[in-house]
Amino acid sequence: MFDQTQVRVAVAFHSAYGHTARQAEAVADGARAVEGTTVELLAVDELDDALWSSLDAADAIVFGAPTYMGSPSAGFKIFAEGTSAVLKDNLRWKDKVAAGFTNSGCMSGDKLNTLVDLAMLAAQHGMIWVGLALPGGWSSSGGSVEDLNRLGSWLGAMAQSDSDVGPDIAPPATDLRTASELGRRVAIVTRAYRRGADLEQLAAHQAVSA
């Protein structure tokens, strides 16, 4: 049973100029690298039935949005408010794994506030938040811009994109590698969680059958 555990990860994101979309792709690549993981990249620009169906079917949802004026983009906020119907439907995303990522033009850009918003959204749905388990990079004289987690975030993955270059150049490779690590961690944690849930279900079934 352990080796056959399959998980579905959805990366639900908004991206106005393509930079956060590249970050979303890196998260997806990291999750796909974990055996037994199926990943869907879901732009939240249109709130149609196919989007909600895919999110409902996922074991984990990774939320992503650019940071504009210190908070998630308006496009993502429309999606977030749209999830109120999910919340009112007996918290139907309860106990799904959740995580988040964000990108901005400035090194700080108050990106932490966006990650807090994403974590709060997950909390309101009763989801289980997974942070970025990496040491803070670029934090000593021996560090460099190439370090993983160079922006020193733990609640989720951060990236920085120069405002005068396109998504073919930014975010830099180090931030994309950091996003990939978040995706990998989400997949690993979700798989372990699903294994435990499957074992609990099996034990309950055996107890009833005994």
Protein backbone atom coordinates (compact mmCIF):
# COMPACT_ATOMS: atom_id res chain seq x y z
CA MET A 1 0.00 0.00 0.00
CA PHE A 2 2.80 2.43 0.85
CA ASP A 3 4.40 2.24 -2.60
CA GLN A 4 1.07 2.56 -4.41
CA THR A 5 -0.11 5.76 -2.76
CA GLN A 6 -1.12 8.27 -5.43
CA VAL A 7 -1.70 11.97 -4.76
CA ARG A 8 -3.08 14.86 -6.78
CA VAL A 9 -1.60 18.34 -6.38
CA ALA A 10 -3.29 21.41 -7.86
CA VAL A 11 -1.35 24.65 -8.32
CA ALA A 12 -3.97 27.41 -8.35
CA PHE A 13 -2.45 30.72 -9.36
CA HIS A 14 -2.99 34.14 -10.87
CA SER A 15 -0.35 35.80 -13.03
CA ALA A 16 -0.82 39.10 -14.83
CA TYR A 17 2.48 39.32 -16.73
CA GLY A 18 3.78 35.75 -16.68
CA HIS A 19 6.38 35.95 -13.92
CA THR A 20 4.25 34.25 -11.28
CA ALA A 21 3.20 31.70 -13.89
CA ARG A 22 6.85 30.67 -14.22
CA GLN A 23 7.01 30.30 -10.45
CA ALA A 24 3.84 28.18 -10.59
CA GLU A 25 5.44 25.94 -13.22
CA ALA A 26 8.47 25.46 -10.98
CA VAL A 27 6.23 24.45 -8.08
CA ALA A 28 4.50 21.96 -10.37
CA ASP A 29 7.82 20.55 -11.59
CA GLY A 30 8.96 19.97 -8.02
CA ALA A 31 5.76 18.15 -7.13
CA ARG A 32 5.90 15.99 -10.27
CA ALA A 33 9.39 14.85 -9.32
CA VAL A 34 7.89 12.91 -6.39
CA GLU A 35 6.80 9.43 -7.42
CA GLY A 36 3.07 8.86 -7.55
CA THR A 37 2.16 12.55 -7.88
CA THR A 38 -0.19 13.98 -10.50
CA VAL A 39 -0.09 17.75 -10.89
CA GLU A 40 -2.49 20.24 -12.47
CA LEU A 41 -1.55 23.84 -13.20
CA LEU A 42 -4.73 25.88 -12.82
CA ALA A 43 -4.88 29.56 -13.71
CA VAL A 44 -7.71 31.08 -11.67
CA ASP A 45 -8.62 33.75 -14.22
CA GLU A 46 -11.95 32.07 -15.00
CA LEU A 47 -14.02 30.57 -12.21
CA ASP A 48 -15.73 27.83 -14.21
CA ASP A 49 -16.98 24.39 -13.25
CA ALA A 50 -13.83 22.71 -14.57
CA LEU A 51 -11.67 24.74 -12.17
CA TRP A 52 -13.79 23.92 -9.11
CA SER A 53 -13.98 20.26 -10.10
CA SER A 54 -10.19 20.00 -10.40
CA LEU A 55 -9.66 21.71 -7.05
CA ASP A 56 -12.22 19.48 -5.36
CA ALA A 57 -10.42 16.39 -6.68
CA ALA A 58 -6.99 17.49 -5.44
CA ASP A 59 -5.36 16.18 -2.27
CA ALA A 60 -3.30 19.38 -2.01
CA ILE A 61 -3.75 22.91 -3.35
CA VAL A 62 -0.81 25.30 -3.68
CA PHE A 63 -2.03 28.89 -3.95
CA GLY A 64 0.03 31.46 -5.86
CA ALA A 65 -0.32 35.16 -6.60
CA PRO A 66 1.86 38.14 -7.40
CA THR A 67 2.16 40.73 -4.67
CA TYR A 68 0.74 44.09 -5.72
CA MET A 69 0.72 46.97 -3.23
CA GLY A 70 1.52 44.59 -0.39
CA SER A 71 -1.19 41.98 -0.94
CA PRO A 72 -2.35 39.36 -3.47
CA SER A 73 -3.37 40.57 -6.91
CA ALA A 74 -6.98 41.53 -7.53
CA GLY A 75 -7.33 38.58 -9.88
CA PHE A 76 -6.43 36.18 -7.10
CA LYS A 77 -8.67 37.96 -4.61
CA ILE A 78 -11.66 37.41 -6.90
CA PHE A 79 -10.87 33.70 -6.85
CA ALA A 80 -10.35 33.71 -3.06
CA GLU A 81 -13.72 35.36 -2.51
CA GLY A 82 -15.26 32.85 -4.91
CA THR A 83 -14.15 30.02 -2.63
CA SER A 84 -16.69 31.18 -0.05
CA ALA A 85 -19.15 28.82 -1.73
CA VAL A 86 -16.75 25.96 -0.98
CA LEU A 87 -16.47 27.04 2.64
CA LYS A 88 -20.25 27.23 3.00
CA ASP A 89 -20.57 23.73 1.54
CA ASN A 90 -19.65 22.08 4.83
CA LEU A 91 -15.95 23.06 4.43
CA ARG A 92 -15.49 20.66 1.56
CA TRP A 93 -11.75 21.43 1.26
CA LYS A 94 -11.25 20.59 4.93
CA ASP A 95 -8.08 18.54 5.60
CA LYS A 96 -6.60 19.09 2.15
CA VAL A 97 -2.92 20.07 2.28
CA ALA A 98 -2.21 23.70 1.32
CA ALA A 99 0.82 25.88 0.60
CA GLY A 100 1.59 29.18 -1.10
CA PHE A 101 3.99 31.24 -3.16
CA THR A 102 4.30 34.81 -4.37
CA ASN A 103 6.42 37.09 -6.55
CA SER A 104 7.04 40.84 -6.66
CA GLY A 105 9.33 43.40 -8.25
CA CYS A 106 11.04 44.49 -5.03
CA MET A 107 13.25 42.27 -2.90
CA SER A 108 10.78 42.63 -0.04
CA GLY A 109 7.71 44.18 -1.59
CA ASP A 110 5.85 43.14 1.56
CA LYS A 111 5.48 39.65 0.10
CA LEU A 112 5.09 38.18 3.58
CA ASN A 113 1.69 39.86 3.81
CA THR A 114 0.57 38.01 0.68
CA LEU A 115 1.71 34.67 2.11
CA VAL A 116 -0.16 35.43 5.33
CA ASP A 117 -3.29 36.11 3.24
CA LEU A 118 -2.86 32.78 1.44
CA ALA A 119 -2.33 30.92 4.71
CA MET A 120 -5.41 32.61 6.20
CA LEU A 121 -7.45 31.53 3.19
CA ALA A 122 -6.32 27.95 3.76
CA ALA A 123 -7.08 28.20 7.49
CA GLN A 124 -10.62 29.41 6.80
CA HIS A 125 -11.14 26.27 4.71
CA GLY A 126 -9.75 24.00 7.43
CA MET A 127 -6.77 23.04 5.29
CA ILE A 128 -3.36 21.88 6.54
CA TRP A 129 -0.62 24.42 5.74
CA VAL A 130 2.86 23.32 4.65
CA GLY A 131 5.69 25.85 4.79
CA LEU A 132 9.06 26.02 3.08
CA ALA A 133 11.50 23.88 5.08
CA LEU A 134 14.75 25.45 3.89
CA PRO A 135 17.41 27.43 5.74
CA GLY A 136 17.48 31.11 4.92
CA GLY A 137 19.96 31.74 2.13
CA TRP A 138 22.16 34.72 1.29
CA SER A 139 22.35 35.56 5.01
CA SER A 140 26.11 35.58 5.61
CA SER A 141 29.32 36.78 3.97
CA GLY A 142 29.71 33.28 2.53
CA GLY A 143 26.23 33.27 1.00
CA SER A 144 25.23 34.37 -2.47
CA VAL A 145 22.29 35.30 -4.65
CA GLU A 146 22.35 31.71 -5.92
CA ASP A 147 21.35 30.27 -2.53
CA LEU A 148 18.05 28.47 -2.18
CA ASN A 149 15.55 30.54 -0.22
CA ARG A 150 17.71 33.61 -0.80
CA LEU A 151 14.81 35.86 0.23
CA GLY A 152 14.53 34.16 3.63
CA SER A 153 10.92 33.02 3.64
CA TRP A 154 9.45 30.08 5.57
CA LEU A 155 5.69 30.50 5.34
CA GLY A 156 5.90 29.90 1.59
CA ALA A 157 8.11 30.44 -1.45
CA MET A 158 9.06 33.97 -2.48
CA ALA A 159 10.45 35.18 -5.79
CA GLN A 160 11.62 38.54 -7.09
CA SER A 161 11.32 39.70 -10.70
CA ASP A 162 12.85 42.90 -12.03
CA SER A 163 9.97 45.00 -13.32
CA ASP A 164 11.67 45.86 -16.59
CA VAL A 165 12.26 42.30 -17.83
CA GLY A 166 9.89 39.63 -19.09
CA PRO A 167 9.10 36.17 -17.74
CA ASP A 168 11.72 34.71 -20.07
CA ILE A 169 14.33 36.24 -17.74
CA ALA A 170 12.66 36.59 -14.35
CA PRO A 171 12.24 35.26 -11.74
CA PRO A 172 15.88 34.15 -11.52
CA ALA A 173 16.79 30.47 -11.50
CA THR A 174 17.48 30.44 -7.77
CA ASP A 175 13.92 31.55 -6.97
CA LEU A 176 12.53 28.96 -9.36
CA ARG A 177 14.59 26.25 -7.66
CA THR A 178 13.19 27.43 -4.34
CA ALA A 179 9.65 27.19 -5.72
CA SER A 180 10.43 23.69 -6.98
CA GLU A 181 11.52 22.70 -3.47
CA LEU A 182 8.17 23.90 -2.14
CA GLY A 183 6.34 21.76 -4.68
CA ARG A 184 8.46 18.73 -3.80
CA ARG A 185 7.80 19.21 -0.08
CA VAL A 186 4.06 19.54 -0.64
CA ALA A 187 4.00 16.31 -2.63
CA ILE A 188 6.06 14.42 -0.02
CA VAL A 189 3.95 15.65 2.89
CA THR A 190 0.70 14.98 1.03
CA ARG A 191 1.79 11.46 0.15
CA ALA A 192 2.67 10.72 3.78
CA TYR A 193 -0.65 12.17 4.89
CA ARG A 194 -2.58 10.11 2.34
CA ARG A 195 -0.76 6.95 3.42
CA GLY A 196 -1.82 7.54 7.00
CA ALA A 197 -5.41 8.23 5.98
CA ASP A 198 -5.49 5.10 3.81
CA LEU A 199 -4.14 2.97 6.67
CA GLU A 200 -6.71 4.43 9.06
CA GLN A 201 -9.49 3.68 6.59
CA LEU A 202 -8.20 0.14 6.11
CA ALA A 203 -8.02 -0.45 9.86
CA ALA A 204 -11.58 0.82 10.29
CA HIS A 205 -12.79 -1.46 7.50
CA GLN A 206 -11.04 -4.46 9.05
CA ALA A 207 -12.53 -3.68 12.45
CA VAL A 208 -16.04 -3.62 10.99
CA SER A 209 -15.41 -6.87 9.06
CA ALA A 210 -13.96 -8.73 12.05
